Amino acid sequence: MNHKFYDVKAKKAVTTAITEGKIYGDKDNPRYAVCGKTKDGRSLTCFISKADFEAFKKDGVKFAKAAKK
């Protein structure tokens, strides 16, 4: 499944495949994100709404709790 990401280094929007999904924050205030990779291997992250999260989850994207640093 593809999604549109903003590539900061290239300063443009790119469309690439979703590699994984992550959930950031507390149970009271979760933030949902999908991750992808550029052609040269750099990571891309795009925060999404809860509605998009539910749609991606139905389509088979696996979401995991992000590790705290």
N, C-alpha and C. Protein backbone atom coordinates (compact mmCIF):
# COMPACT_ATOMS: atom_id res chain seq x y z
N MET A 1 0.84 -1.16 0.00
CA MET A 1 0.00 0.00 0.00
C MET A 1 0.90 1.24 0.00
N ASN A 2 0.55 2.21 -0.81
CA ASN A 2 1.32 3.45 -0.93
C ASN A 2 0.67 4.59 -0.16
N HIS A 3 1.50 5.55 0.23
CA HIS A 3 1.03 6.74 0.93
C HIS A 3 1.92 7.90 0.54
N LYS A 4 1.39 9.11 0.64
CA LYS A 4 2.15 10.31 0.31
C LYS A 4 2.89 10.80 1.55
N PHE A 5 4.20 11.00 1.43
CA PHE A 5 5.06 11.50 2.50
C PHE A 5 5.72 12.79 2.03
N TYR A 6 6.20 13.60 2.98
CA TYR A 6 6.98 14.78 2.63
C TYR A 6 8.44 14.47 2.90
N ASP A 7 9.26 14.54 1.87
CA ASP A 7 10.69 14.29 1.98
C ASP A 7 11.38 15.62 2.30
N VAL A 8 11.86 15.77 3.53
CA VAL A 8 12.46 17.02 3.97
C VAL A 8 13.74 17.34 3.22
N LYS A 9 14.56 16.33 2.98
CA LYS A 9 15.83 16.56 2.29
C LYS A 9 15.60 17.00 0.84
N ALA A 10 14.68 16.36 0.14
CA ALA A 10 14.39 16.72 -1.25
C ALA A 10 13.43 17.90 -1.36
N LYS A 11 12.79 18.26 -0.24
CA LYS A 11 11.83 19.37 -0.17
C LYS A 11 10.68 19.19 -1.15
N LYS A 12 10.12 17.97 -1.18
CA LYS A 12 8.97 17.71 -2.04
C LYS A 12 8.19 16.51 -1.51
N ALA A 13 6.97 16.38 -1.97
CA ALA A 13 6.14 15.24 -1.59
C ALA A 13 6.50 14.05 -2.47
N VAL A 14 6.57 12.88 -1.85
CA VAL A 14 6.86 11.65 -2.58
C VAL A 14 5.83 10.59 -2.17
N THR A 15 5.55 9.69 -3.07
CA THR A 15 4.65 8.58 -2.77
C THR A 15 5.48 7.31 -2.74
N THR A 16 5.37 6.57 -1.63
CA THR A 16 6.14 5.35 -1.47
C THR A 16 5.34 4.35 -0.65
N ALA A 17 5.80 3.12 -0.60
CA ALA A 17 5.10 2.06 0.12
C ALA A 17 5.24 2.24 1.63
N ILE A 18 4.20 1.89 2.35
CA ILE A 18 4.23 1.92 3.81
C ILE A 18 4.96 0.69 4.31
N THR A 19 5.95 0.90 5.17
CA THR A 19 6.69 -0.23 5.71
C THR A 19 6.14 -0.68 7.06
N GLU A 20 5.62 0.26 7.85
CA GLU A 20 5.07 -0.07 9.16
C GLU A 20 4.24 1.09 9.69
N GLY A 21 3.54 0.83 10.76
CA GLY A 21 2.79 1.87 11.45
C GLY A 21 3.22 1.94 12.90
N LYS A 22 3.15 3.12 13.50
CA LYS A 22 3.55 3.29 14.89
C LYS A 22 2.51 4.12 15.63
N ILE A 23 2.41 3.86 16.93
CA ILE A 23 1.53 4.63 17.80
C ILE A 23 2.41 5.30 18.84
N TYR A 24 2.38 6.63 18.88
CA TYR A 24 3.17 7.40 19.83
C TYR A 24 2.26 7.95 20.92
N GLY A 25 2.83 8.32 22.06
CA GLY A 25 2.10 9.00 23.10
C GLY A 25 1.47 8.07 24.12
N ASP A 26 0.64 8.66 24.98
CA ASP A 26 -0.03 7.94 26.05
C ASP A 26 -1.35 7.36 25.56
N LYS A 27 -1.96 6.54 26.42
CA LYS A 27 -3.27 5.98 26.09
C LYS A 27 -4.32 7.08 25.97
N ASP A 28 -4.16 8.15 26.76
CA ASP A 28 -5.12 9.25 26.74
C ASP A 28 -5.00 10.12 25.49
N ASN A 29 -3.80 10.17 24.92
CA ASN A 29 -3.57 11.04 23.76
C ASN A 29 -2.64 10.35 22.76
N PRO A 30 -3.14 9.31 22.07
CA PRO A 30 -2.27 8.63 21.11
C PRO A 30 -2.10 9.43 19.83
N ARG A 31 -0.94 9.27 19.18
CA ARG A 31 -0.68 9.85 17.86
C ARG A 31 -0.29 8.71 16.95
N TYR A 32 -0.89 8.68 15.78
CA TYR A 32 -0.69 7.59 14.84
C TYR A 32 0.19 8.05 13.70
N ALA A 33 1.09 7.16 13.25
CA ALA A 33 2.00 7.50 12.15
C ALA A 33 2.24 6.28 11.29
N VAL A 34 2.54 6.53 10.02
CA VAL A 34 2.97 5.48 9.11
C VAL A 34 4.38 5.83 8.66
N CYS A 35 5.17 4.79 8.41
CA CYS A 35 6.56 4.97 8.02
C CYS A 35 6.81 4.36 6.65
N GLY A 36 7.76 4.93 5.93
CA GLY A 36 8.15 4.44 4.62
C GLY A 36 9.64 4.68 4.41
N LYS A 37 10.14 4.31 3.25
CA LYS A 37 11.55 4.50 2.91
C LYS A 37 11.66 5.14 1.54
N THR A 38 12.66 6.02 1.36
CA THR A 38 12.94 6.59 0.05
C THR A 38 13.73 5.57 -0.76
N LYS A 39 13.94 5.88 -2.03
CA LYS A 39 14.70 4.96 -2.89
C LYS A 39 16.13 4.80 -2.42
N ASP A 40 16.69 5.85 -1.77
CA ASP A 40 18.07 5.75 -1.27
C ASP A 40 18.14 5.30 0.18
N GLY A 41 17.01 4.84 0.77
CA GLY A 41 17.03 4.20 2.08
C GLY A 41 16.74 5.08 3.28
N ARG A 42 16.45 6.37 3.07
CA ARG A 42 16.13 7.23 4.20
C ARG A 42 14.72 6.97 4.70
N SER A 43 14.51 7.12 6.00
CA SER A 43 13.20 6.89 6.61
C SER A 43 12.30 8.11 6.45
N LEU A 44 11.03 7.84 6.24
CA LEU A 44 10.01 8.88 6.15
C LEU A 44 8.90 8.56 7.14
N THR A 45 8.36 9.58 7.79
CA THR A 45 7.26 9.40 8.74
C THR A 45 6.18 10.41 8.42
N CYS A 46 4.93 9.97 8.49
CA CYS A 46 3.79 10.84 8.27
C CYS A 46 2.76 10.56 9.35
N PHE A 47 2.40 11.59 10.13
CA PHE A 47 1.37 11.44 11.15
C PHE A 47 0.01 11.47 10.47
N ILE A 48 -0.89 10.61 10.95
CA ILE A 48 -2.20 10.45 10.32
C ILE A 48 -3.31 10.60 11.37
N SER A 49 -4.52 10.75 10.90
CA SER A 49 -5.68 10.87 11.79
C SER A 49 -6.13 9.50 12.27
N LYS A 50 -7.01 9.49 13.25
CA LYS A 50 -7.54 8.23 13.77
C LYS A 50 -8.36 7.52 12.68
N ALA A 51 -9.08 8.27 11.87
CA ALA A 51 -9.86 7.68 10.78
C ALA A 51 -8.96 6.99 9.77
N ASP A 52 -7.85 7.64 9.42
CA ASP A 52 -6.87 7.01 8.52
C ASP A 52 -6.24 5.79 9.17
N PHE A 53 -5.96 5.88 10.47
CA PHE A 53 -5.42 4.75 11.23
C PHE A 53 -6.34 3.54 11.11
N GLU A 54 -7.64 3.76 11.31
CA GLU A 54 -8.60 2.66 11.22
C GLU A 54 -8.64 2.08 9.80
N ALA A 55 -8.57 2.94 8.79
CA ALA A 55 -8.59 2.48 7.40
C ALA A 55 -7.34 1.66 7.07
N PHE A 56 -6.16 2.14 7.50
CA PHE A 56 -4.92 1.41 7.24
C PHE A 56 -4.91 0.09 7.99
N LYS A 57 -5.45 0.08 9.19
CA LYS A 57 -5.50 -1.14 9.99
C LYS A 57 -6.37 -2.19 9.29
N LYS A 58 -7.49 -1.77 8.70
CA LYS A 58 -8.35 -2.68 7.94
C LYS A 58 -7.64 -3.24 6.72
N ASP A 59 -6.76 -2.42 6.11
CA ASP A 59 -6.03 -2.84 4.92
C ASP A 59 -4.82 -3.70 5.23
N GLY A 60 -4.55 -3.96 6.51
CA GLY A 60 -3.49 -4.88 6.87
C GLY A 60 -2.18 -4.27 7.34
N VAL A 61 -2.11 -2.97 7.53
CA VAL A 61 -0.89 -2.35 8.06
C VAL A 61 -0.81 -2.66 9.55
N LYS A 62 0.32 -3.19 9.98
CA LYS A 62 0.52 -3.53 11.40
C LYS A 62 1.02 -2.31 12.15
N PHE A 63 0.35 -1.98 13.25
CA PHE A 63 0.75 -0.86 14.09
C PHE A 63 1.30 -1.38 15.40
N ALA A 64 2.43 -0.82 15.82
CA ALA A 64 3.07 -1.20 17.09
C ALA A 64 3.33 0.06 17.90
N LYS A 65 3.37 -0.10 19.20
CA LYS A 65 3.69 1.00 20.10
C LYS A 65 5.15 1.38 19.88
N ALA A 66 5.42 2.66 19.66
CA ALA A 66 6.79 3.13 19.45
C ALA A 66 7.57 3.08 20.75
N ALA A 67 8.83 2.70 20.66
CA ALA A 67 9.69 2.64 21.84
C ALA A 67 10.02 4.04 22.32
N LYS A 68 10.03 4.23 23.63
CA LYS A 68 10.39 5.53 24.21
C LYS A 68 11.90 5.65 24.28
N LYS A 69 12.39 6.85 24.03
CA LYS A 69 13.84 7.08 24.08
C LYS A 69 14.25 7.58 25.42
